[in-house]
Amino acid sequence: MADEKRTVFKHSLIMNERKDLSLTGITDVISFDEDAIYAETDKGVVVVKGYNLHVNRLNLDVGELDIEGEIYNISYEDHGAGPGSKGSFFGKLFK
């Protein structure tokens, strides 16, 4: 199997009025629903929690993610954390 080369994007967050969030440096979206979005970056898994969250735009070719909704928490977890991640049972099952 050939070695995969991952593109590394600069990671940043820009939030407006706790309702619009733009993220760069996104390498994958692990899971999302109206209450939480788990996205992988080279700096770890970023977790966005809130109400009525919607992914407005996702472009993994350039590592960009735009989220809309009522945001009440943004945090980071270690790589391999979060639901459906490669470290979990389902992550390994669907690898």
Foldseek 3Di string as FASTA:
>chain_A
DDDDDDDFADWDWDDDPQFKIKIFQFQAWQDDDQAWTWTQGPVAIKIWGDGRKDWPDDDNVGRMTMIGHRTDDIDGDHQQDDPLGCVDPNVVVVD
